[in-house]
Amino acid sequence: MRATSLVKQMLGLKGVVVSEVSLLAAEIVVKLELTRTKLSCPKCKYKTHFRYDTRTVNSRWRHLDMVIRQTWLSCEL
């Protein structure tokens, strides 16, 4: 099993592709790619191609830690 598939199953990620996993000294960085062309609102389920966040930098979120390392999810929206 590849490391990307293993991390995706361990973190329970859906609707994304894990493109890269980086193990650093104090953290794990998981780079993601969206598989959907439409984004949906988690509250009302409205779907659209447009997005509110138009920044060119990657967004980054903290996930639950794995063992002693911080886990970060990074994705270009």
PDB file of N, CA and C in Angstrom:
ATOM      1  N   MET A   1       0.838  -1.178   0.000  1.00  0.00           N
ATOM      2  CA  MET A   1       0.000   0.000   0.000  1.00  0.00           C
ATOM      3  C   MET A   1       0.887   1.246   0.000  1.00  0.00           C
ATOM      4  N   ARG A   2       0.523   2.219  -0.813  1.00  0.00           N
ATOM      5  CA  ARG A   2       1.291   3.454  -0.889  1.00  0.00           C
ATOM      6  C   ARG A   2       1.045   4.317   0.349  1.00  0.00           C
ATOM      7  N   ALA A   3       2.002   5.182   0.646  1.00  0.00           N
ATOM      8  CA  ALA A   3       1.882   6.062   1.819  1.00  0.00           C
ATOM      9  C   ALA A   3       0.695   7.004   1.680  1.00  0.00           C
ATOM     10  N   THR A   4       0.428   7.491   0.466  1.00  0.00           N
ATOM     11  CA  THR A   4      -0.689   8.418   0.272  1.00  0.00           C
ATOM     12  C   THR A   4      -2.024   7.729   0.538  1.00  0.00           C
ATOM     13  N   SER A   5      -2.171   6.486   0.094  1.00  0.00           N
ATOM     14  CA  SER A   5      -3.407   5.730   0.338  1.00  0.00           C
ATOM     15  C   SER A   5      -3.577   5.424   1.821  1.00  0.00           C
ATOM     16  N   LEU A   6      -2.491   5.089   2.479  1.00  0.00           N
ATOM     17  CA  LEU A   6      -2.536   4.790   3.906  1.00  0.00           C
ATOM     18  C   LEU A   6      -2.957   6.021   4.711  1.00  0.00           C
ATOM     19  N   VAL A   7      -2.372   7.176   4.408  1.00  0.00           N
ATOM     20  CA  VAL A   7      -2.715   8.408   5.131  1.00  0.00           C
ATOM     21  C   VAL A   7      -4.161   8.795   4.865  1.00  0.00           C
ATOM     22  N   LYS A   8      -4.628   8.643   3.641  1.00  0.00           N
ATOM     23  CA  LYS A   8      -6.021   8.970   3.319  1.00  0.00           C
ATOM     24  C   LYS A   8      -6.986   8.113   4.131  1.00  0.00           C
ATOM     25  N   GLN A   9      -6.704   6.826   4.271  1.00  0.00           N
ATOM     26  CA  GLN A   9      -7.556   5.936   5.055  1.00  0.00           C
ATOM     27  C   GLN A   9      -7.462   6.237   6.548  1.00  0.00           C
ATOM     28  N   MET A  10      -6.266   6.537   7.042  1.00  0.00           N
ATOM     29  CA  MET A  10      -6.087   6.821   8.457  1.00  0.00           C
ATOM     30  C   MET A  10      -6.816   8.097   8.874  1.00  0.00           C
ATOM     31  N   LEU A  11      -6.788   9.118   8.014  1.00  0.00           N
ATOM     32  CA  LEU A  11      -7.417  10.392   8.343  1.00  0.00           C
ATOM     33  C   LEU A  11      -8.897  10.441   7.957  1.00  0.00           C
ATOM     34  N   GLY A  12      -9.365   9.469   7.184  1.00  0.00           N
ATOM     35  CA  GLY A  12     -10.773   9.427   6.786  1.00  0.00           C
ATOM     36  C   GLY A  12     -11.156  10.549   5.840  1.00  0.00           C
ATOM     37  N   LEU A  13     -10.293  10.856   4.888  1.00  0.00           N
ATOM     38  CA  LEU A  13     -10.536  11.952   3.957  1.00  0.00           C
ATOM     39  C   LEU A  13     -11.395  11.484   2.792  1.00  0.00           C
ATOM     40  N   LYS A  14     -12.426  12.284   2.452  1.00  0.00           N
ATOM     41  CA  LYS A  14     -13.313  11.954   1.338  1.00  0.00           C
ATOM     42  C   LYS A  14     -13.410  13.156   0.411  1.00  0.00           C
ATOM     43  N   GLY A  15     -13.508  12.914  -0.882  1.00  0.00           N
ATOM     44  CA  GLY A  15     -13.650  13.996  -1.849  1.00  0.00           C
ATOM     45  C   GLY A  15     -12.347  14.674  -2.215  1.00  0.00           C
ATOM     46  N   VAL A  16     -11.230  14.086  -1.821  1.00  0.00           N
ATOM     47  CA  VAL A  16      -9.914  14.656  -2.136  1.00  0.00           C
ATOM     48  C   VAL A  16      -8.958  13.537  -2.534  1.00  0.00           C
ATOM     49  N   VAL A  17      -7.867  13.929  -3.181  1.00  0.00           N
ATOM     50  CA  VAL A  17      -6.790  13.006  -3.519  1.00  0.00           C
ATOM     51  C   VAL A  17      -5.561  13.453  -2.743  1.00  0.00           C
ATOM     52  N   VAL A  18      -4.911  12.537  -2.061  1.00  0.00           N
ATOM     53  CA  VAL A  18      -3.670  12.847  -1.348  1.00  0.00           C
ATOM     54  C   VAL A  18      -2.546  12.766  -2.369  1.00  0.00           C
ATOM     55  N   SER A  19      -1.924  13.921  -2.649  1.00  0.00           N
ATOM     56  CA  SER A  19      -0.882  13.951  -3.672  1.00  0.00           C
ATOM     57  C   SER A  19       0.516  13.767  -3.102  1.00  0.00           C
ATOM     58  N   GLU A  20       0.712  14.166  -1.842  1.00  0.00           N
ATOM     59  CA  GLU A  20       2.049  14.065  -1.266  1.00  0.00           C
ATOM     60  C   GLU A  20       1.957  14.041   0.252  1.00  0.00           C
ATOM     61  N   VAL A  21       2.846  13.293   0.874  1.00  0.00           N
ATOM     62  CA  VAL A  21       2.949  13.251   2.336  1.00  0.00           C
ATOM     63  C   VAL A  21       4.392  13.565   2.691  1.00  0.00           C
ATOM     64  N   SER A  22       4.594  14.615   3.495  1.00  0.00           N
ATOM     65  CA  SER A  22       5.940  15.023   3.910  1.00  0.00           C
ATOM     66  C   SER A  22       6.095  14.804   5.409  1.00  0.00           C
ATOM     67  N   LEU A  23       7.112  14.061   5.790  1.00  0.00           N
ATOM     68  CA  LEU A  23       7.416  13.821   7.202  1.00  0.00           C
ATOM     69  C   LEU A  23       8.563  14.735   7.601  1.00  0.00           C
ATOM     70  N   LEU A  24       8.266  15.704   8.449  1.00  0.00           N
ATOM     71  CA  LEU A  24       9.285  16.619   8.947  1.00  0.00           C
ATOM     72  C   LEU A  24       9.576  16.280  10.403  1.00  0.00           C
ATOM     73  N   ALA A  25      10.483  17.002  11.024  1.00  0.00           N
ATOM     74  CA  ALA A  25      10.903  16.687  12.391  1.00  0.00           C
ATOM     75  C   ALA A  25       9.745  16.725  13.381  1.00  0.00           C
ATOM     76  N   ALA A  26       8.911  17.755  13.318  1.00  0.00           N
ATOM     77  CA  ALA A  26       7.855  17.904  14.315  1.00  0.00           C
ATOM     78  C   ALA A  26       6.454  17.866  13.721  1.00  0.00           C
ATOM     79  N   GLU A  27       6.354  17.649  12.408  1.00  0.00           N
ATOM     80  CA  GLU A  27       5.027  17.681  11.798  1.00  0.00           C
ATOM     81  C   GLU A  27       4.943  16.806  10.552  1.00  0.00           C
ATOM     82  N   ILE A  28       3.713  16.487  10.199  1.00  0.00           N
ATOM     83  CA  ILE A  28       3.402  15.754   8.981  1.00  0.00           C
ATOM     84  C   ILE A  28       2.540  16.680   8.125  1.00  0.00           C
ATOM     85  N   VAL A  29       2.957  16.920   6.883  1.00  0.00           N
ATOM     86  CA  VAL A  29       2.208  17.778   5.970  1.00  0.00           C
ATOM     87  C   VAL A  29       1.623  16.903   4.871  1.00  0.00           C
ATOM     88  N   VAL A  30       0.289  16.944   4.739  1.00  0.00           N
ATOM     89  CA  VAL A  30      -0.416  16.153   3.732  1.00  0.00           C
ATOM     90  C   VAL A  30      -0.949  17.120   2.685  1.00  0.00           C
ATOM     91  N   LYS A  31      -0.458  17.020   1.449  1.00  0.00           N
ATOM     92  CA  LYS A  31      -0.925  17.890   0.374  1.00  0.00           C
ATOM     93  C   LYS A  31      -2.102  17.223  -0.326  1.00  0.00           C
ATOM     94  N   LEU A  32      -3.188  17.969  -0.489  1.00  0.00           N
ATOM     95  CA  LEU A  32      -4.429  17.450  -1.046  1.00  0.00           C
ATOM     96  C   LEU A  32      -4.781  18.138  -2.354  1.00  0.00           C
ATOM     97  N   GLU A  33      -5.586  17.450  -3.167  1.00  0.00           N
ATOM     98  CA  GLU A  33      -6.162  18.019  -4.381  1.00  0.00           C
ATOM     99  C   GLU A  33      -7.650  17.713  -4.374  1.00  0.00           C
ATOM    100  N   LEU A  34      -8.468  18.708  -4.704  1.00  0.00           N
ATOM    101  CA  LEU A  34      -9.911  18.495  -4.762  1.00  0.00           C
ATOM    102  C   LEU A  34     -10.268  17.646  -5.975  1.00  0.00           C
ATOM    103  N   THR A  35     -11.235  16.744  -5.819  1.00  0.00           N
ATOM    104  CA  THR A  35     -11.671  15.923  -6.950  1.00  0.00           C
ATOM    105  C   THR A  35     -12.949  16.460  -7.567  1.00  0.00           C
ATOM    106  N   ARG A  36     -13.646  17.318  -6.861  1.00  0.00           N
ATOM    107  CA  ARG A  36     -14.902  17.867  -7.367  1.00  0.00           C
ATOM    108  C   ARG A  36     -14.648  19.162  -8.123  1.00  0.00           C
ATOM    109  N   THR A  37     -15.449  19.390  -9.170  1.00  0.00           N
ATOM    110  CA  THR A  37     -15.380  20.670  -9.866  1.00  0.00           C
ATOM    111  C   THR A  37     -16.328  21.669  -9.235  1.00  0.00           C
ATOM    112  N   LYS A  38     -17.366  21.183  -8.565  1.00  0.00           N
ATOM    113  CA  LYS A  38     -18.306  22.048  -7.868  1.00  0.00           C
ATOM    114  C   LYS A  38     -18.053  21.977  -6.371  1.00  0.00           C
ATOM    115  N   LEU A  39     -18.146  23.115  -5.719  1.00  0.00           N
ATOM    116  CA  LEU A  39     -18.025  23.166  -4.273  1.00  0.00           C
ATOM    117  C   LEU A  39     -19.422  23.235  -3.674  1.00  0.00           C
ATOM    118  N   SER A  40     -19.636  22.590  -2.530  1.00  0.00           N
ATOM    119  CA  SER A  40     -20.963  22.591  -1.909  1.00  0.00           C
ATOM    120  C   SER A  40     -20.879  23.150  -0.494  1.00  0.00           C
ATOM    121  N   CYS A  41     -21.930  23.870  -0.108  1.00  0.00           N
ATOM    122  CA  CYS A  41     -22.027  24.456   1.227  1.00  0.00           C
ATOM    123  C   CYS A  41     -22.370  23.342   2.224  1.00  0.00           C
ATOM    124  N   PRO A  42     -21.638  23.238   3.352  1.00  0.00           N
ATOM    125  CA  PRO A  42     -21.933  22.192   4.327  1.00  0.00           C
ATOM    126  C   PRO A  42     -23.246  22.413   5.073  1.00  0.00           C
ATOM    127  N   LYS A  43     -23.757  23.646   5.070  1.00  0.00           N
ATOM    128  CA  LYS A  43     -24.993  23.946   5.804  1.00  0.00           C
ATOM    129  C   LYS A  43     -26.240  23.742   4.956  1.00  0.00           C
ATOM    130  N   CYS A  44     -26.242  24.282   3.723  1.00  0.00           N
ATOM    131  CA  CYS A  44     -27.473  24.238   2.928  1.00  0.00           C
ATOM    132  C   CYS A  44     -27.359  23.344   1.690  1.00  0.00           C
ATOM    133  N   LYS A  45     -26.192  22.782   1.434  1.00  0.00           N
ATOM    134  CA  LYS A  45     -25.932  21.873   0.300  1.00  0.00           C
ATOM    135  C   LYS A  45     -26.029  22.559  -1.067  1.00  0.00           C
ATOM    136  N   TYR A  46     -25.983  23.910  -1.100  1.00  0.00           N
ATOM    137  CA  TYR A  46     -25.971  24.641  -2.367  1.00  0.00           C
ATOM    138  C   TYR A  46     -24.657  24.358  -3.088  1.00  0.00           C
ATOM    139  N   LYS A  47     -24.696  24.090  -4.399  1.00  0.00           N
ATOM    140  CA  LYS A  47     -23.501  23.773  -5.168  1.00  0.00           C
ATOM    141  C   LYS A  47     -23.232  24.851  -6.205  1.00  0.00           C
ATOM    142  N   THR A  48     -21.941  25.187  -6.357  1.00  0.00           N
ATOM    143  CA  THR A  48     -21.546  26.214  -7.313  1.00  0.00           C
ATOM    144  C   THR A  48     -20.117  25.980  -7.789  1.00  0.00           C
ATOM    145  N   HIS A  49     -19.795  26.548  -8.953  1.00  0.00           N
ATOM    146  CA  HIS A  49     -18.419  26.501  -9.460  1.00  0.00           C
ATOM    147  C   HIS A  49     -17.589  27.652  -8.887  1.00  0.00           C
ATOM    148  N   PHE A  50     -18.262  28.692  -8.409  1.00  0.00           N
ATOM    149  CA  PHE A  50     -17.583  29.882  -7.908  1.00  0.00           C
ATOM    150  C   PHE A  50     -17.183  29.701  -6.456  1.00  0.00           C
ATOM    151  N   ARG A  51     -16.188  30.456  -6.042  1.00  0.00           N
ATOM    152  CA  ARG A  51     -15.722  30.340  -4.667  1.00  0.00           C
ATOM    153  C   ARG A  51     -15.485  31.723  -4.087  1.00  0.00           C
ATOM    154  N   TYR A  52     -15.643  31.799  -2.792  1.00  0.00           N
ATOM    155  CA  TYR A  52     -15.454  33.061  -2.082  1.00  0.00           C
ATOM    156  C   TYR A  52     -13.975  33.360  -1.884  1.00  0.00           C
ATOM    157  N   ASP A  53     -13.210  32.345  -1.577  1.00  0.00           N
ATOM    158  CA  ASP A  53     -11.779  32.504  -1.285  1.00  0.00           C
ATOM    159  C   ASP A  53     -10.999  32.426  -2.594  1.00  0.00           C
ATOM    160  N   THR A  54     -10.459  33.543  -3.061  1.00  0.00           N
ATOM    161  CA  THR A  54      -9.747  33.558  -4.343  1.00  0.00           C
ATOM    162  C   THR A  54      -8.248  33.801  -4.161  1.00  0.00           C
ATOM    163  N   ARG A  55      -7.726  33.492  -2.994  1.00  0.00           N
ATOM    164  CA  ARG A  55      -6.297  33.665  -2.761  1.00  0.00           C
ATOM    165  C   ARG A  55      -5.498  32.674  -3.613  1.00  0.00           C
ATOM    166  N   THR A  56      -4.275  33.053  -3.956  1.00  0.00           N
ATOM    167  CA  THR A  56      -3.426  32.174  -4.762  1.00  0.00           C
ATOM    168  C   THR A  56      -2.536  31.274  -3.907  1.00  0.00           C
ATOM    169  N   VAL A  57      -2.542  31.467  -2.601  1.00  0.00           N
ATOM    170  CA  VAL A  57      -1.724  30.633  -1.709  1.00  0.00           C
ATOM    171  C   VAL A  57      -2.526  29.403  -1.284  1.00  0.00           C
ATOM    172  N   ASN A  58      -1.829  28.371  -0.876  1.00  0.00           N
ATOM    173  CA  ASN A  58      -2.489  27.159  -0.391  1.00  0.00           C
ATOM    174  C   ASN A  58      -3.124  27.409   0.971  1.00  0.00           C
ATOM    175  N   SER A  59      -4.295  26.830   1.184  1.00  0.00           N
ATOM    176  CA  SER A  59      -4.932  26.876   2.497  1.00  0.00           C
ATOM    177  C   SER A  59      -4.362  25.739   3.335  1.00  0.00           C
ATOM    178  N   ARG A  60      -4.317  25.939   4.654  1.00  0.00           N
ATOM    179  CA  ARG A  60      -3.711  24.937   5.527  1.00  0.00           C
ATOM    180  C   ARG A  60      -4.557  24.791   6.782  1.00  0.00           C
ATOM    181  N   TRP A  61      -4.861  23.544   7.146  1.00  0.00           N
ATOM    182  CA  TRP A  61      -5.675  23.248   8.315  1.00  0.00           C
ATOM    183  C   TRP A  61      -4.948  22.247   9.191  1.00  0.00           C
ATOM    184  N   ARG A  62      -5.183  22.337  10.484  1.00  0.00           N
ATOM    185  CA  ARG A  62      -4.580  21.384  11.413  1.00  0.00           C
ATOM    186  C   ARG A  62      -5.545  20.224  11.636  1.00  0.00           C
ATOM    187  N   HIS A  63      -5.041  19.021  11.563  1.00  0.00           N
ATOM    188  CA  HIS A  63      -5.813  17.803  11.801  1.00  0.00           C
ATOM    189  C   HIS A  63      -5.393  17.246  13.155  1.00  0.00           C
ATOM    190  N   LEU A  64      -6.016  16.178  13.564  1.00  0.00           N
ATOM    191  CA  LEU A  64      -5.609  15.522  14.805  1.00  0.00           C
ATOM    192  C   LEU A  64      -4.172  15.034  14.684  1.00  0.00           C
ATOM    193  N   ASP A  65      -3.434  15.123  15.758  1.00  0.00           N
ATOM    194  CA  ASP A  65      -2.024  14.729  15.736  1.00  0.00           C
ATOM    195  C   ASP A  65      -1.873  13.223  15.570  1.00  0.00           C
ATOM    196  N   MET A  66      -0.788  12.831  14.907  1.00  0.00           N
ATOM    197  CA  MET A  66      -0.425  11.412  14.774  1.00  0.00           C
ATOM    198  C   MET A  66       0.784  11.165  15.670  1.00  0.00           C
ATOM    199  N   VAL A  67       0.587  10.361  16.672  1.00  0.00           N
ATOM    200  CA  VAL A  67       1.610  10.021  17.665  1.00  0.00           C
ATOM    201  C   VAL A  67       2.126  11.306  18.311  1.00  0.00           C
ATOM    202  N   ILE A  68       3.347  11.754  17.984  1.00  0.00           N
ATOM    203  CA  ILE A  68       3.885  12.968  18.605  1.00  0.00           C
ATOM    204  C   ILE A  68       4.041  14.100  17.600  1.00  0.00           C
ATOM    205  N   ARG A  69       3.584  13.916  16.374  1.00  0.00           N
ATOM    206  CA  ARG A  69       3.741  14.932  15.332  1.00  0.00           C
ATOM    207  C   ARG A  69       2.423  15.639  15.034  1.00  0.00           C
ATOM    208  N   GLN A  70       2.503  16.943  14.813  1.00  0.00           N
ATOM    209  CA  GLN A  70       1.339  17.705  14.382  1.00  0.00           C
ATOM    210  C   GLN A  70       1.033  17.330  12.939  1.00  0.00           C
ATOM    211  N   THR A  71      -0.244  17.233  12.597  1.00  0.00           N
ATOM    212  CA  THR A  71      -0.646  16.886  11.238  1.00  0.00           C
ATOM    213  C   THR A  71      -1.319  18.093  10.603  1.00  0.00           C
ATOM    214  N   TRP A  72      -0.832  18.495   9.444  1.00  0.00           N
ATOM    215  CA  TRP A  72      -1.364  19.632   8.706  1.00  0.00           C
ATOM    216  C   TRP A  72      -1.863  19.187   7.346  1.00  0.00           C
ATOM    217  N   LEU A  73      -3.035  19.663   6.944  1.00  0.00           N
ATOM    218  CA  LEU A  73      -3.595  19.411   5.624  1.00  0.00           C
ATOM    219  C   LEU A  73      -3.425  20.674   4.803  1.00  0.00           C
ATOM    220  N   SER A  74      -2.880  20.549   3.599  1.00  0.00           N
ATOM    221  CA  SER A  74      -2.632  21.694   2.737  1.00  0.00           C
ATOM    222  C   SER A  74      -3.309  21.448   1.402  1.00  0.00           C
ATOM    223  N   CYS A  75      -4.048  22.472   0.908  1.00  0.00           N
ATOM    224  CA  CYS A  75      -4.781  22.301  -0.340  1.00  0.00           C
ATOM    225  C   CYS A  75      -4.905  23.623  -1.062  1.00  0.00           C
ATOM    226  N   GLU A  76      -4.748  23.589  -2.392  1.00  0.00           N
ATOM    227  CA  GLU A  76      -4.992  24.773  -3.209  1.00  0.00           C
ATOM    228  C   GLU A  76      -6.464  24.789  -3.582  1.00  0.00           C
ATOM    229  N   LEU A  77      -7.166  25.814  -3.144  1.00  0.00           N
ATOM    230  CA  LEU A  77      -8.590  25.903  -3.429  1.00  0.00           C
ATOM    231  C   LEU A  77      -8.818  26.559  -4.771  1.00  0.00           C
TER     232      LEU A  77
END
